Amino acid sequence: MPSDRIHAAFTAPMETHSFAGILFDLDGTIVDSTDAIVKHWHKLAKELGVDPNVILASSHGRRSIDTLQLYDPSKANWDYVSHIEGLIPKQYGQDAVEIPGARTLLASLEGSDARWAIVTSGTLALATGWLDVMRMSRPKNIVTAEDVRAGKPDPECYLLGKDRLDLTAEVKVLVVEDSPAGVRAGSQAGCKVIGLATTHEIAQLKAAGADWIVQDLCSVRFVGIEGENGHVQIEIWNSLLEMKQSA
């Protein structure tokens, strides 16, 4: 848990908002695979001859192909990256847990005509692997690392997510993210962003430009679909109101 959550006041009153579509990050937003990813990078770092803590300090929210490019460019190719990432849910699936509220929220979206997608820095093999292992709802559209030229914080992934949902530039779209890089990507793509204080410090999410900060997805509820425009109504409650002074 981010240390500054202890002194945070998640007490803002409920708000209701309407969005043309919702774009979710995956790791840290829907599934917490931190322990699995740590084991994965420790194993890979040993093969690379690199301190795993150095890799882990900057790898969250970043494409593996970009990380590998720094340490062993010969491994920075999609065949290799897809292979090793596809093994993570199979080898370390027992180490992953769902983010509180994620299952309920995704199931409610799946059971409606809501436009939603997953936009992740992981490969398709990793994304579908986690959704299968965790038995979570899967959207019709998933934007993965292979689909873009530049990873987060570049907004390309979220712009592509909007395009996959046939959403035009002027409509209001919600991004749900846990990493500062992802928050920046969503904001730069012209979206409103909910930052989840699940993996990073609140101060980092605020600095990245999150419009709301919540503890987890228990604070986000699907209300329904609006009339003819098909917009998604959601409620946000217990978002960050202020930071308490530590004793």
C-alpha atoms as a PDB file:
ATOM      1  CA  MET A   1       0.000   0.000   0.000  1.00  0.00           C
ATOM      2  CA  PRO A   2       1.333   3.479  -0.827  1.00  0.00           C
ATOM      3  CA  SER A   3       2.557   5.039   2.429  1.00  0.00           C
ATOM      4  CA  ASP A   4       0.694   8.319   2.024  1.00  0.00           C
ATOM      5  CA  ARG A   5      -2.695   6.545   1.956  1.00  0.00           C
ATOM      6  CA  ILE A   6      -2.436   6.398   5.762  1.00  0.00           C
ATOM      7  CA  HIS A   7      -2.802  10.171   6.002  1.00  0.00           C
ATOM      8  CA  ALA A   8      -5.333  10.619   3.204  1.00  0.00           C
ATOM      9  CA  ALA A   9      -8.977  11.522   3.644  1.00  0.00           C
ATOM     10  CA  PHE A  10     -11.039   9.558   1.125  1.00  0.00           C
ATOM     11  CA  THR A  11     -14.279  11.260   2.122  1.00  0.00           C
ATOM     12  CA  ALA A  12     -15.448  13.293  -0.884  1.00  0.00           C
ATOM     13  CA  PRO A  13     -19.232  13.128  -1.467  1.00  0.00           C
ATOM     14  CA  MET A  14     -20.627  10.990  -4.243  1.00  0.00           C
ATOM     15  CA  GLU A  15     -20.565  12.361  -7.783  1.00  0.00           C
ATOM     16  CA  THR A  16     -22.424  11.057 -10.831  1.00  0.00           C
ATOM     17  CA  HIS A  17     -20.838  11.451 -14.260  1.00  0.00           C
ATOM     18  CA  SER A  18     -21.589  10.411 -17.821  1.00  0.00           C
ATOM     19  CA  PHE A  19     -18.942   9.183 -20.265  1.00  0.00           C
ATOM     20  CA  ALA A  20     -19.092   7.996 -23.861  1.00  0.00           C
ATOM     21  CA  GLY A  21     -16.776   5.146 -22.918  1.00  0.00           C
ATOM     22  CA  ILE A  22     -14.393   3.828 -20.254  1.00  0.00           C
ATOM     23  CA  LEU A  23     -10.796   2.687 -20.763  1.00  0.00           C
ATOM     24  CA  PHE A  24      -9.167   0.578 -18.044  1.00  0.00           C
ATOM     25  CA  ASP A  25      -5.542  -0.146 -17.405  1.00  0.00           C
ATOM     26  CA  LEU A  26      -5.029  -3.760 -16.273  1.00  0.00           C
ATOM     27  CA  ASP A  27      -2.186  -4.390 -13.826  1.00  0.00           C
ATOM     28  CA  GLY A  28      -2.706  -2.454 -10.616  1.00  0.00           C
ATOM     29  CA  THR A  29      -6.154  -1.352 -11.793  1.00  0.00           C
ATOM     30  CA  ILE A  30      -8.067  -4.593 -12.351  1.00  0.00           C
ATOM     31  CA  VAL A  31      -5.557  -7.184 -11.152  1.00  0.00           C
ATOM     32  CA  ASP A  32      -2.763  -6.746  -8.614  1.00  0.00           C
ATOM     33  CA  SER A  33       0.001  -8.967  -9.933  1.00  0.00           C
ATOM     34  CA  THR A  34       2.797  -7.181  -8.072  1.00  0.00           C
ATOM     35  CA  ASP A  35       4.170 -10.307  -6.381  1.00  0.00           C
ATOM     36  CA  ALA A  36       4.057 -12.247  -9.640  1.00  0.00           C
ATOM     37  CA  ILE A  37       5.799  -9.490 -11.588  1.00  0.00           C
ATOM     38  CA  VAL A  38       8.484  -9.162  -8.918  1.00  0.00           C
ATOM     39  CA  LYS A  39       9.229 -12.893  -9.181  1.00  0.00           C
ATOM     40  CA  HIS A  40       9.241 -12.658 -12.984  1.00  0.00           C
ATOM     41  CA  TRP A  41      11.731  -9.778 -13.087  1.00  0.00           C
ATOM     42  CA  HIS A  42      13.961 -11.360 -10.445  1.00  0.00           C
ATOM     43  CA  LYS A  43      14.220 -14.466 -12.596  1.00  0.00           C
ATOM     44  CA  LEU A  44      14.801 -12.497 -15.777  1.00  0.00           C
ATOM     45  CA  ALA A  45      17.251 -10.074 -14.137  1.00  0.00           C
ATOM     46  CA  LYS A  46      19.391 -13.018 -13.071  1.00  0.00           C
ATOM     47  CA  GLU A  47      19.572 -14.147 -16.701  1.00  0.00           C
ATOM     48  CA  LEU A  48      20.424 -10.591 -17.780  1.00  0.00           C
ATOM     49  CA  GLY A  49      23.005 -10.065 -15.056  1.00  0.00           C
ATOM     50  CA  VAL A  50      21.175  -6.974 -13.800  1.00  0.00           C
ATOM     51  CA  ASP A  51      20.071  -5.937 -10.307  1.00  0.00           C
ATOM     52  CA  PRO A  52      16.311  -6.749 -10.278  1.00  0.00           C
ATOM     53  CA  ASN A  53      15.607  -3.787  -7.990  1.00  0.00           C
ATOM     54  CA  VAL A  54      16.967  -1.433 -10.639  1.00  0.00           C
ATOM     55  CA  ILE A  55      14.552  -2.900 -13.195  1.00  0.00           C
ATOM     56  CA  LEU A  56      11.600  -2.917 -10.783  1.00  0.00           C
ATOM     57  CA  ALA A  57      12.147   0.734  -9.897  1.00  0.00           C
ATOM     58  CA  SER A  58      10.992   1.798 -13.356  1.00  0.00           C
ATOM     59  CA  SER A  59       9.200  -1.154 -14.959  1.00  0.00           C
ATOM     60  CA  HIS A  60       5.629  -0.697 -13.635  1.00  0.00           C
ATOM     61  CA  GLY A  61       3.349   0.706 -16.307  1.00  0.00           C
ATOM     62  CA  ARG A  62       6.129   0.348 -18.852  1.00  0.00           C
ATOM     63  CA  ARG A  63       6.261  -2.099 -21.751  1.00  0.00           C
ATOM     64  CA  SER A  64       8.662  -5.006 -21.218  1.00  0.00           C
ATOM     65  CA  ILE A  65      10.068  -4.477 -24.700  1.00  0.00           C
ATOM     66  CA  ASP A  66      11.141  -0.961 -23.677  1.00  0.00           C
ATOM     67  CA  THR A  67      12.721  -2.233 -20.460  1.00  0.00           C
ATOM     68  CA  LEU A  68      14.581  -5.020 -22.259  1.00  0.00           C
ATOM     69  CA  GLN A  69      15.864  -2.546 -24.832  1.00  0.00           C
ATOM     70  CA  LEU A  70      17.831  -0.930 -22.000  1.00  0.00           C
ATOM     71  CA  TYR A  71      19.501  -4.112 -20.785  1.00  0.00           C
ATOM     72  CA  ASP A  72      19.594  -6.593 -23.674  1.00  0.00           C
ATOM     73  CA  PRO A  73      18.383  -5.290 -27.062  1.00  0.00           C
ATOM     74  CA  SER A  74      18.639  -8.794 -28.527  1.00  0.00           C
ATOM     75  CA  LYS A  75      15.658  -9.797 -26.386  1.00  0.00           C
ATOM     76  CA  ALA A  76      13.638  -6.683 -27.242  1.00  0.00           C
ATOM     77  CA  ASN A  77      11.417  -8.354 -29.823  1.00  0.00           C
ATOM     78  CA  TRP A  78       7.752  -9.299 -29.721  1.00  0.00           C
ATOM     79  CA  ASP A  79       8.227 -13.044 -30.104  1.00  0.00           C
ATOM     80  CA  TYR A  80      10.409 -13.188 -27.006  1.00  0.00           C
ATOM     81  CA  VAL A  81       8.389 -10.693 -24.966  1.00  0.00           C
ATOM     82  CA  SER A  82       5.059 -12.377 -25.740  1.00  0.00           C
ATOM     83  CA  HIS A  83       6.529 -15.750 -24.802  1.00  0.00           C
ATOM     84  CA  ILE A  84       7.920 -14.707 -21.429  1.00  0.00           C
ATOM     85  CA  GLU A  85       4.880 -12.622 -20.503  1.00  0.00           C
ATOM     86  CA  GLY A  86       2.516 -15.414 -21.484  1.00  0.00           C
ATOM     87  CA  LEU A  87       4.234 -17.621 -18.909  1.00  0.00           C
ATOM     88  CA  ILE A  88       3.676 -15.227 -15.995  1.00  0.00           C
ATOM     89  CA  PRO A  89      -0.016 -16.038 -15.281  1.00  0.00           C
ATOM     90  CA  LYS A  90       0.707 -19.746 -15.717  1.00  0.00           C
ATOM     91  CA  GLN A  91       3.716 -19.797 -13.399  1.00  0.00           C
ATOM     92  CA  TYR A  92       2.689 -17.193 -10.840  1.00  0.00           C
ATOM     93  CA  GLY A  93      -1.106 -17.027 -11.111  1.00  0.00           C
ATOM     94  CA  GLN A  94      -1.498 -17.907  -7.443  1.00  0.00           C
ATOM     95  CA  ASP A  95       0.345 -14.710  -6.519  1.00  0.00           C
ATOM     96  CA  ALA A  96      -2.167 -12.365  -8.160  1.00  0.00           C
ATOM     97  CA  VAL A  97      -5.302 -10.911  -6.570  1.00  0.00           C
ATOM     98  CA  GLU A  98      -8.119  -8.819  -7.978  1.00  0.00           C
ATOM     99  CA  ILE A  99      -8.326  -5.148  -7.118  1.00  0.00           C
ATOM    100  CA  PRO A 100     -11.295  -4.691  -4.738  1.00  0.00           C
ATOM    101  CA  GLY A 101     -14.422  -3.787  -6.672  1.00  0.00           C
ATOM    102  CA  ALA A 102     -12.984  -4.733 -10.072  1.00  0.00           C
ATOM    103  CA  ARG A 103     -14.961  -7.928 -10.586  1.00  0.00           C
ATOM    104  CA  THR A 104     -18.308  -6.309  -9.794  1.00  0.00           C
ATOM    105  CA  LEU A 105     -17.642  -3.244 -11.938  1.00  0.00           C
ATOM    106  CA  LEU A 106     -16.464  -5.187 -14.991  1.00  0.00           C
ATOM    107  CA  ALA A 107     -19.302  -7.683 -14.730  1.00  0.00           C
ATOM    108  CA  SER A 108     -21.852  -4.872 -14.636  1.00  0.00           C
ATOM    109  CA  LEU A 109     -20.300  -3.278 -17.733  1.00  0.00           C
ATOM    110  CA  GLU A 110     -20.173  -6.618 -19.538  1.00  0.00           C
ATOM    111  CA  GLY A 111     -23.856  -7.166 -18.837  1.00  0.00           C
ATOM    112  CA  SER A 112     -24.789  -3.879 -20.500  1.00  0.00           C
ATOM    113  CA  ASP A 113     -24.235  -2.140 -23.819  1.00  0.00           C
ATOM    114  CA  ALA A 114     -21.510   0.034 -22.318  1.00  0.00           C
ATOM    115  CA  ARG A 115     -18.508   0.872 -24.457  1.00  0.00           C
ATOM    116  CA  TRP A 116     -15.399  -0.127 -22.541  1.00  0.00           C
ATOM    117  CA  ALA A 117     -11.959  -1.513 -23.260  1.00  0.00           C
ATOM    118  CA  ILE A 118      -8.707  -2.469 -21.575  1.00  0.00           C
ATOM    119  CA  VAL A 119      -5.571  -0.515 -22.470  1.00  0.00           C
ATOM    120  CA  THR A 120      -2.466  -2.167 -21.059  1.00  0.00           C
ATOM    121  CA  SER A 121       1.308  -1.958 -21.308  1.00  0.00           C
ATOM    122  CA  GLY A 122       1.403  -5.753 -21.283  1.00  0.00           C
ATOM    123  CA  THR A 123       1.250  -8.050 -24.269  1.00  0.00           C
ATOM    124  CA  LEU A 124      -1.945  -9.718 -25.446  1.00  0.00           C
ATOM    125  CA  ALA A 125      -0.649 -13.006 -24.008  1.00  0.00           C
ATOM    126  CA  LEU A 126      -0.226 -11.422 -20.577  1.00  0.00           C
ATOM    127  CA  ALA A 127      -3.539  -9.547 -20.616  1.00  0.00           C
ATOM    128  CA  THR A 128      -5.678 -12.491 -21.687  1.00  0.00           C
ATOM    129  CA  GLY A 129      -3.678 -14.780 -19.410  1.00  0.00           C
ATOM    130  CA  TRP A 130      -4.537 -12.735 -16.335  1.00  0.00           C
ATOM    131  CA  LEU A 131      -8.192 -12.333 -17.281  1.00  0.00           C
ATOM    132  CA  ASP A 132      -8.467 -16.090 -17.811  1.00  0.00           C
ATOM    133  CA  VAL A 133      -6.653 -17.056 -14.613  1.00  0.00           C
ATOM    134  CA  MET A 134      -8.659 -14.573 -12.555  1.00  0.00           C
ATOM    135  CA  ARG A 135     -11.884 -15.402 -14.437  1.00  0.00           C
ATOM    136  CA  MET A 136     -12.622 -11.739 -14.965  1.00  0.00           C
ATOM    137  CA  SER A 137     -14.914 -10.216 -17.580  1.00  0.00           C
ATOM    138  CA  ARG A 138     -13.184  -9.587 -20.896  1.00  0.00           C
ATOM    139  CA  PRO A 139     -14.107  -6.637 -23.139  1.00  0.00           C
ATOM    140  CA  LYS A 140     -14.423  -6.938 -26.894  1.00  0.00           C
ATOM    141  CA  ASN A 141     -11.513  -4.535 -27.313  1.00  0.00           C
ATOM    142  CA  ILE A 142      -8.074  -4.801 -25.709  1.00  0.00           C
ATOM    143  CA  VAL A 143      -5.198  -2.481 -26.643  1.00  0.00           C
ATOM    144  CA  THR A 144      -1.859  -4.093 -25.807  1.00  0.00           C
ATOM    145  CA  ALA A 145       1.836  -3.312 -25.987  1.00  0.00           C
ATOM    146  CA  GLU A 146       2.149  -4.746 -29.498  1.00  0.00           C
ATOM    147  CA  ASP A 147      -0.434  -2.300 -30.846  1.00  0.00           C
ATOM    148  CA  VAL A 148       1.507   0.917 -30.269  1.00  0.00           C
ATOM    149  CA  ARG A 149       4.850   2.395 -31.225  1.00  0.00           C
ATOM    150  CA  ALA A 150       5.402   4.123 -27.889  1.00  0.00           C
ATOM    151  CA  GLY A 151       4.312   3.042 -24.432  1.00  0.00           C
ATOM    152  CA  LYS A 152       2.841   5.105 -21.607  1.00  0.00           C
ATOM    153  CA  PRO A 153       3.147   8.028 -20.791  1.00  0.00           C
ATOM    154  CA  ASP A 154       2.742   8.516 -24.540  1.00  0.00           C
ATOM    155  CA  PRO A 155      -1.016   8.936 -25.166  1.00  0.00           C
ATOM    156  CA  GLU A 156      -1.021   6.737 -28.293  1.00  0.00           C
ATOM    157  CA  CYS A 157      -2.481   3.741 -26.450  1.00  0.00           C
ATOM    158  CA  TYR A 158      -5.480   5.656 -25.113  1.00  0.00           C
ATOM    159  CA  LEU A 159      -6.049   7.427 -28.392  1.00  0.00           C
ATOM    160  CA  LEU A 160      -6.136   3.987 -30.012  1.00  0.00           C
ATOM    161  CA  GLY A 161      -8.518   2.774 -27.301  1.00  0.00           C
ATOM    162  CA  LYS A 162     -10.902   5.611 -28.125  1.00  0.00           C
ATOM    163  CA  ASP A 163     -10.629   4.774 -31.806  1.00  0.00           C
ATOM    164  CA  ARG A 164     -11.380   1.092 -31.167  1.00  0.00           C
ATOM    165  CA  LEU A 165     -14.590   2.151 -29.434  1.00  0.00           C
ATOM    166  CA  ASP A 166     -15.465   4.508 -32.321  1.00  0.00           C
ATOM    167  CA  LEU A 167     -15.271   7.503 -30.006  1.00  0.00           C
ATOM    168  CA  THR A 168     -14.524  10.886 -31.498  1.00  0.00           C
ATOM    169  CA  ALA A 169     -12.080  13.401 -30.056  1.00  0.00           C
ATOM    170  CA  GLU A 170     -14.743  15.705 -28.629  1.00  0.00           C
ATOM    171  CA  VAL A 171     -16.643  13.167 -26.493  1.00  0.00           C
ATOM    172  CA  LYS A 172     -16.010  12.693 -22.778  1.00  0.00           C
ATOM    173  CA  VAL A 173     -14.076   9.500 -22.039  1.00  0.00           C
ATOM    174  CA  LEU A 174     -12.938   8.077 -18.684  1.00  0.00           C
ATOM    175  CA  VAL A 175      -9.572   6.420 -18.093  1.00  0.00           C
ATOM    176  CA  VAL A 176      -8.988   4.334 -14.947  1.00  0.00           C
ATOM    177  CA  GLU A 177      -5.303   4.000 -14.032  1.00  0.00           C
ATOM    178  CA  ASP A 178      -2.939   3.275 -11.154  1.00  0.00           C
ATOM    179  CA  SER A 179       0.432   4.501 -12.466  1.00  0.00           C
ATOM    180  CA  PRO A 180       1.605   8.088 -12.948  1.00  0.00           C
ATOM    181  CA  ALA A 181       2.706   7.219 -16.491  1.00  0.00           C
ATOM    182  CA  GLY A 182      -0.766   5.894 -17.259  1.00  0.00           C
ATOM    183  CA  VAL A 183      -2.473   8.908 -15.717  1.00  0.00           C
ATOM    184  CA  ARG A 184      -0.361  11.196 -17.896  1.00  0.00           C
ATOM    185  CA  ALA A 185      -1.143   9.126 -20.978  1.00  0.00           C
ATOM    186  CA  GLY A 186      -4.875   9.317 -20.303  1.00  0.00           C
ATOM    187  CA  SER A 187      -4.806  13.042 -19.628  1.00  0.00           C
ATOM    188  CA  GLN A 188      -2.765  13.756 -22.746  1.00  0.00           C
ATOM    189  CA  ALA A 189      -5.274  11.719 -24.749  1.00  0.00           C
ATOM    190  CA  GLY A 190      -7.949  14.198 -23.670  1.00  0.00           C
ATOM    191  CA  CYS A 191      -9.643  11.918 -21.137  1.00  0.00           C
ATOM    192  CA  LYS A 192     -10.785  12.377 -17.573  1.00  0.00           C
ATOM    193  CA  VAL A 193      -8.760  10.110 -15.277  1.00  0.00           C
ATOM    194  CA  ILE A 194      -9.491   8.252 -12.060  1.00  0.00           C
ATOM    195  CA  GLY A 195      -6.250   7.399 -10.295  1.00  0.00           C
ATOM    196  CA  LEU A 196      -6.256   4.325  -8.054  1.00  0.00           C
ATOM    197  CA  ALA A 197      -3.972   4.572  -5.022  1.00  0.00           C
ATOM    198  CA  THR A 198      -3.105   0.883  -5.245  1.00  0.00           C
ATOM    199  CA  THR A 199       0.549   0.887  -6.336  1.00  0.00           C
ATOM    200  CA  HIS A 200       1.880   4.461  -6.258  1.00  0.00           C
ATOM    201  CA  GLU A 201       1.963   7.385  -3.862  1.00  0.00           C
ATOM    202  CA  ILE A 202      -1.017   9.735  -3.927  1.00  0.00           C
ATOM    203  CA  ALA A 203       1.326  12.663  -4.473  1.00  0.00           C
ATOM    204  CA  GLN A 204       2.567  11.016  -7.672  1.00  0.00           C
ATOM    205  CA  LEU A 205      -0.978  10.523  -8.977  1.00  0.00           C
ATOM    206  CA  LYS A 206      -1.847  14.135  -8.163  1.00  0.00           C
ATOM    207  CA  ALA A 207       1.288  15.413  -9.885  1.00  0.00           C
ATOM    208  CA  ALA A 208       0.458  13.300 -12.942  1.00  0.00           C
ATOM    209  CA  GLY A 209      -2.910  15.051 -13.248  1.00  0.00           C
ATOM    210  CA  ALA A 210      -5.535  12.581 -11.974  1.00  0.00           C
ATOM    211  CA  ASP A 211      -9.000  14.157 -11.831  1.00  0.00           C
ATOM    212  CA  TRP A 212     -10.083  11.888  -8.967  1.00  0.00           C
ATOM    213  CA  ILE A 213      -8.083   9.617  -6.677  1.00  0.00           C
ATOM    214  CA  VAL A 214      -9.735   6.657  -4.974  1.00  0.00           C
ATOM    215  CA  GLN A 215      -8.470   3.750  -2.908  1.00  0.00           C
ATOM    216  CA  ASP A 216      -9.790   1.070  -5.276  1.00  0.00           C
ATOM    217  CA  LEU A 217     -12.693   0.231  -7.573  1.00  0.00           C
ATOM    218  CA  CYS A 218     -15.130  -0.164  -4.683  1.00  0.00           C
ATOM    219  CA  SER A 219     -15.500   3.615  -5.079  1.00  0.00           C
ATOM    220  CA  VAL A 220     -16.647   3.370  -8.703  1.00  0.00           C
ATOM    221  CA  ARG A 221     -20.106   2.018  -9.575  1.00  0.00           C
ATOM    222  CA  PHE A 222     -21.842   1.508 -12.901  1.00  0.00           C
ATOM    223  CA  VAL A 223     -25.295   3.130 -12.816  1.00  0.00           C
ATOM    224  CA  GLY A 224     -26.619   2.488 -16.309  1.00  0.00           C
ATOM    225  CA  ILE A 225     -26.726   3.546 -19.938  1.00  0.00           C
ATOM    226  CA  GLU A 226     -28.145   6.921 -20.903  1.00  0.00           C
ATOM    227  CA  GLY A 227     -30.958   6.909 -23.451  1.00  0.00           C
ATOM    228  CA  GLU A 228     -30.142   7.148 -27.126  1.00  0.00           C
ATOM    229  CA  ASN A 229     -26.554   8.357 -26.854  1.00  0.00           C
ATOM    230  CA  GLY A 230     -25.455   5.200 -25.064  1.00  0.00           C
ATOM    231  CA  HIS A 231     -23.262   7.069 -22.597  1.00  0.00           C
ATOM    232  CA  VAL A 232     -22.134   5.257 -19.468  1.00  0.00           C
ATOM    233  CA  GLN A 233     -23.288   6.677 -16.148  1.00  0.00           C
ATOM    234  CA  ILE A 234     -21.060   6.003 -13.167  1.00  0.00           C
ATOM    235  CA  GLU A 235     -20.912   7.070  -9.543  1.00  0.00           C
ATOM    236  CA  ILE A 236     -17.668   8.010  -7.836  1.00  0.00           C
ATOM    237  CA  TRP A 237     -17.625   8.264  -4.068  1.00  0.00           C
ATOM    238  CA  ASN A 238     -15.097   8.384  -1.250  1.00  0.00           C
ATOM    239  CA  SER A 239     -12.523   9.953  -3.540  1.00  0.00           C
ATOM    240  CA  LEU A 240      -9.612  11.896  -2.106  1.00  0.00           C
ATOM    241  CA  LEU A 241     -10.762  15.042  -0.339  1.00  0.00           C
ATOM    242  CA  GLU A 242      -7.551  16.157   1.326  1.00  0.00           C
ATOM    243  CA  MET A 243      -4.313  15.021   2.895  1.00  0.00           C
ATOM    244  CA  LYS A 244      -4.326  14.889   6.680  1.00  0.00           C
ATOM    245  CA  GLN A 245      -1.292  16.200   8.533  1.00  0.00           C
ATOM    246  CA  SER A 246       0.789  13.343   9.912  1.00  0.00           C
ATOM    247  CA  ALA A 247       1.444  13.374  13.628  1.00  0.00           C
END
